[in-house]
């Protein structure tokens, strides 16, 4: 069963695979690598590699997962 504990975090997009509908981001501070699906990213098509984002950190059956991914206000 997946861990449902959530924590708000910041990070940067490291890779976008638009044709597959998902991407990865690295959390600031810990360096954790998170998977995210297009359905959990606000404005997925506008995200770019290196862009700062805010997200909700979760752990699923396959590892770290980011939900509620949104561009960070800078």
N, C-alpha and C. Protein backbone atom coordinates (compact mmCIF):
# COMPACT_ATOMS: atom_id res chain seq x y z
N UNK A 1 0.85 -1.19 0.00
CA UNK A 1 0.00 0.00 0.00
C UNK A 1 0.88 1.24 0.00
N UNK A 2 0.46 2.26 -0.73
CA UNK A 2 1.24 3.49 -0.87
C UNK A 2 1.18 4.32 0.40
N UNK A 3 2.27 5.01 0.67
CA UNK A 3 2.31 5.96 1.76
C UNK A 3 1.52 7.18 1.33
N UNK A 4 0.55 7.59 2.14
CA UNK A 4 -0.29 8.72 1.75
C UNK A 4 0.12 10.01 2.45
N UNK A 5 1.21 9.98 3.23
CA UNK A 5 1.69 11.19 3.88
C UNK A 5 2.20 12.15 2.82
N UNK A 6 1.73 13.39 2.88
CA UNK A 6 2.09 14.39 1.87
C UNK A 6 2.87 15.52 2.51
N UNK A 7 3.76 16.12 1.77
CA UNK A 7 4.52 17.27 2.23
C UNK A 7 4.69 18.22 1.06
N UNK A 8 4.49 19.52 1.31
CA UNK A 8 4.69 20.51 0.26
C UNK A 8 6.18 20.74 0.09
N UNK A 9 6.62 20.80 -1.16
CA UNK A 9 8.05 20.92 -1.45
C UNK A 9 8.27 21.81 -2.66
N UNK A 10 9.54 22.16 -2.87
CA UNK A 10 9.95 22.92 -4.05
C UNK A 10 11.04 22.13 -4.77
N UNK A 11 11.18 22.38 -6.05
CA UNK A 11 12.20 21.70 -6.83
C UNK A 11 12.30 22.29 -8.22
N UNK A 12 12.97 21.54 -9.10
CA UNK A 12 13.14 21.95 -10.50
C UNK A 12 12.86 20.77 -11.41
N UNK A 13 12.21 21.07 -12.53
CA UNK A 13 11.94 20.05 -13.53
C UNK A 13 13.28 19.59 -14.12
N UNK A 14 13.51 18.27 -14.16
CA UNK A 14 14.76 17.76 -14.73
C UNK A 14 14.55 17.16 -16.11
N UNK A 15 13.36 16.65 -16.36
CA UNK A 15 13.10 16.03 -17.67
C UNK A 15 11.60 16.04 -17.93
N UNK A 16 11.23 16.35 -19.19
CA UNK A 16 9.84 16.31 -19.64
C UNK A 16 9.77 15.38 -20.84
N UNK A 17 8.89 14.42 -20.79
CA UNK A 17 8.64 13.52 -21.92
C UNK A 17 7.20 13.78 -22.36
N UNK A 18 7.01 14.86 -23.12
CA UNK A 18 5.66 15.30 -23.51
C UNK A 18 4.88 14.22 -24.25
N UNK A 19 5.55 13.53 -25.19
CA UNK A 19 4.85 12.52 -25.98
C UNK A 19 4.36 11.35 -25.12
N UNK A 20 5.00 11.13 -23.98
CA UNK A 20 4.58 10.05 -23.08
C UNK A 20 3.68 10.57 -21.96
N UNK A 21 3.66 11.89 -21.76
CA UNK A 21 2.77 12.49 -20.78
C UNK A 21 3.27 12.45 -19.34
N UNK A 22 4.58 12.48 -19.16
CA UNK A 22 5.10 12.53 -17.80
C UNK A 22 6.46 13.21 -17.77
N UNK A 23 6.94 13.43 -16.56
CA UNK A 23 8.23 14.06 -16.39
C UNK A 23 8.82 13.73 -15.04
N UNK A 24 9.97 14.35 -14.75
CA UNK A 24 10.67 14.13 -13.49
C UNK A 24 11.12 15.47 -12.95
N UNK A 25 11.23 15.55 -11.64
CA UNK A 25 11.75 16.76 -11.01
C UNK A 25 12.63 16.38 -9.84
N UNK A 26 13.52 17.29 -9.47
CA UNK A 26 14.44 17.07 -8.35
C UNK A 26 14.08 18.04 -7.24
N UNK A 27 13.88 17.50 -6.04
CA UNK A 27 13.51 18.32 -4.89
C UNK A 27 14.69 19.15 -4.40
N UNK A 28 14.43 20.41 -4.10
CA UNK A 28 15.45 21.28 -3.51
C UNK A 28 15.81 20.73 -2.12
N UNK A 29 17.06 20.84 -1.76
CA UNK A 29 17.50 20.42 -0.43
C UNK A 29 17.87 18.95 -0.35
N UNK A 30 16.93 18.05 -0.64
CA UNK A 30 17.20 16.62 -0.49
C UNK A 30 17.76 15.99 -1.75
N UNK A 31 17.46 16.59 -2.91
CA UNK A 31 17.91 16.02 -4.18
C UNK A 31 17.10 14.82 -4.63
N UNK A 32 15.99 14.55 -3.94
CA UNK A 32 15.14 13.42 -4.32
C UNK A 32 14.56 13.60 -5.72
N UNK A 33 14.54 12.52 -6.50
CA UNK A 33 14.02 12.55 -7.87
C UNK A 33 12.57 12.04 -7.85
N UNK A 34 11.64 12.86 -8.32
CA UNK A 34 10.21 12.54 -8.30
C UNK A 34 9.66 12.39 -9.70
N UNK A 35 8.80 11.42 -9.89
CA UNK A 35 8.04 11.22 -11.12
C UNK A 35 6.77 12.05 -11.02
N UNK A 36 6.31 12.63 -12.14
CA UNK A 36 4.97 13.24 -12.15
C UNK A 36 4.31 12.97 -13.50
N UNK A 37 2.99 12.81 -13.45
CA UNK A 37 2.18 12.56 -14.63
C UNK A 37 1.54 13.88 -15.06
N UNK A 38 1.25 14.00 -16.34
CA UNK A 38 0.65 15.23 -16.86
C UNK A 38 -0.64 15.61 -16.12
N UNK A 39 -1.41 14.62 -15.66
CA UNK A 39 -2.67 14.90 -14.97
C UNK A 39 -2.45 15.52 -13.59
N UNK A 40 -1.22 15.44 -13.06
CA UNK A 40 -0.94 16.02 -11.75
C UNK A 40 -0.13 17.31 -11.85
N UNK A 41 0.02 17.83 -13.08
CA UNK A 41 0.81 19.05 -13.30
C UNK A 41 -0.06 20.14 -13.91
N UNK A 42 -0.14 21.27 -13.22
CA UNK A 42 -0.87 22.43 -13.73
C UNK A 42 -0.06 23.04 -14.87
N UNK A 43 -0.64 23.08 -16.06
CA UNK A 43 0.06 23.64 -17.21
C UNK A 43 1.19 22.77 -17.70
N UNK A 44 0.99 21.45 -17.75
CA UNK A 44 2.03 20.50 -18.15
C UNK A 44 2.72 20.92 -19.44
N UNK A 45 1.95 21.32 -20.44
CA UNK A 45 2.52 21.65 -21.75
C UNK A 45 3.42 22.89 -21.71
N UNK A 46 3.28 23.73 -20.70
CA UNK A 46 4.10 24.93 -20.59
C UNK A 46 5.34 24.72 -19.72
N UNK A 47 5.41 23.61 -18.98
CA UNK A 47 6.58 23.36 -18.15
C UNK A 47 7.80 23.11 -19.02
N UNK A 48 8.97 23.53 -18.53
CA UNK A 48 10.20 23.31 -19.26
C UNK A 48 11.29 22.82 -18.29
N UNK A 49 12.29 22.16 -18.84
CA UNK A 49 13.38 21.65 -18.02
C UNK A 49 14.12 22.80 -17.36
N UNK A 50 14.45 22.63 -16.07
CA UNK A 50 15.12 23.67 -15.30
C UNK A 50 14.18 24.62 -14.59
N UNK A 51 12.88 24.54 -14.88
CA UNK A 51 11.91 25.46 -14.29
C UNK A 51 11.65 25.12 -12.82
N UNK A 52 11.65 26.14 -11.93
CA UNK A 52 11.30 25.90 -10.53
C UNK A 52 9.81 25.60 -10.39
N UNK A 53 9.48 24.66 -9.52
CA UNK A 53 8.10 24.26 -9.30
C UNK A 53 7.84 24.03 -7.82
N UNK A 54 6.57 24.11 -7.46
CA UNK A 54 6.07 23.70 -6.15
C UNK A 54 5.30 22.41 -6.38
N UNK A 55 5.31 21.51 -5.41
CA UNK A 55 4.59 20.25 -5.58
C UNK A 55 4.31 19.61 -4.23
N UNK A 56 3.44 18.63 -4.24
CA UNK A 56 3.16 17.83 -3.06
C UNK A 56 3.92 16.52 -3.22
N UNK A 57 4.79 16.23 -2.28
CA UNK A 57 5.62 15.03 -2.32
C UNK A 57 4.86 13.85 -1.73
N UNK A 58 4.80 12.76 -2.47
CA UNK A 58 4.17 11.54 -1.99
C UNK A 58 5.07 10.35 -2.32
N UNK A 59 4.77 9.22 -1.72
CA UNK A 59 5.48 7.98 -2.03
C UNK A 59 4.45 6.96 -2.46
N UNK A 60 4.62 6.42 -3.66
CA UNK A 60 3.71 5.42 -4.19
C UNK A 60 4.39 4.07 -4.24
N UNK A 61 3.72 3.08 -4.81
CA UNK A 61 4.28 1.73 -4.87
C UNK A 61 5.55 1.63 -5.71
N UNK A 62 5.78 2.59 -6.62
CA UNK A 62 6.97 2.56 -7.46
C UNK A 62 8.02 3.59 -7.05
N UNK A 63 7.79 4.28 -5.92
CA UNK A 63 8.78 5.25 -5.45
C UNK A 63 8.21 6.64 -5.27
N UNK A 64 9.09 7.64 -5.33
CA UNK A 64 8.70 9.03 -5.09
C UNK A 64 7.84 9.55 -6.24
N UNK A 65 6.77 10.26 -5.88
CA UNK A 65 5.83 10.79 -6.87
C UNK A 65 5.45 12.21 -6.46
N UNK A 66 5.36 13.09 -7.45
CA UNK A 66 4.96 14.48 -7.22
C UNK A 66 3.53 14.67 -7.70
N UNK A 67 2.72 15.30 -6.88
CA UNK A 67 1.34 15.64 -7.21
C UNK A 67 1.21 17.16 -7.13
N UNK A 68 0.16 17.70 -7.73
CA UNK A 68 -0.12 19.15 -7.66
C UNK A 68 1.09 19.98 -8.08
N UNK A 69 1.77 19.57 -9.14
CA UNK A 69 2.95 20.29 -9.63
C UNK A 69 2.51 21.59 -10.29
N UNK A 70 3.11 22.69 -9.88
CA UNK A 70 2.76 24.00 -10.42
C UNK A 70 4.02 24.86 -10.50
N UNK A 71 4.11 25.72 -11.53
CA UNK A 71 5.26 26.62 -11.61
C UNK A 71 5.38 27.46 -10.34
N UNK A 72 6.59 27.63 -9.84
CA UNK A 72 6.85 28.44 -8.65
C UNK A 72 6.77 29.91 -9.02
N UNK A 73 6.24 30.70 -8.13
CA UNK A 73 6.20 32.15 -8.33
C UNK A 73 7.55 32.70 -7.91
N UNK A 74 8.28 33.28 -8.84
CA UNK A 74 9.61 33.82 -8.54
C UNK A 74 9.62 35.32 -8.58
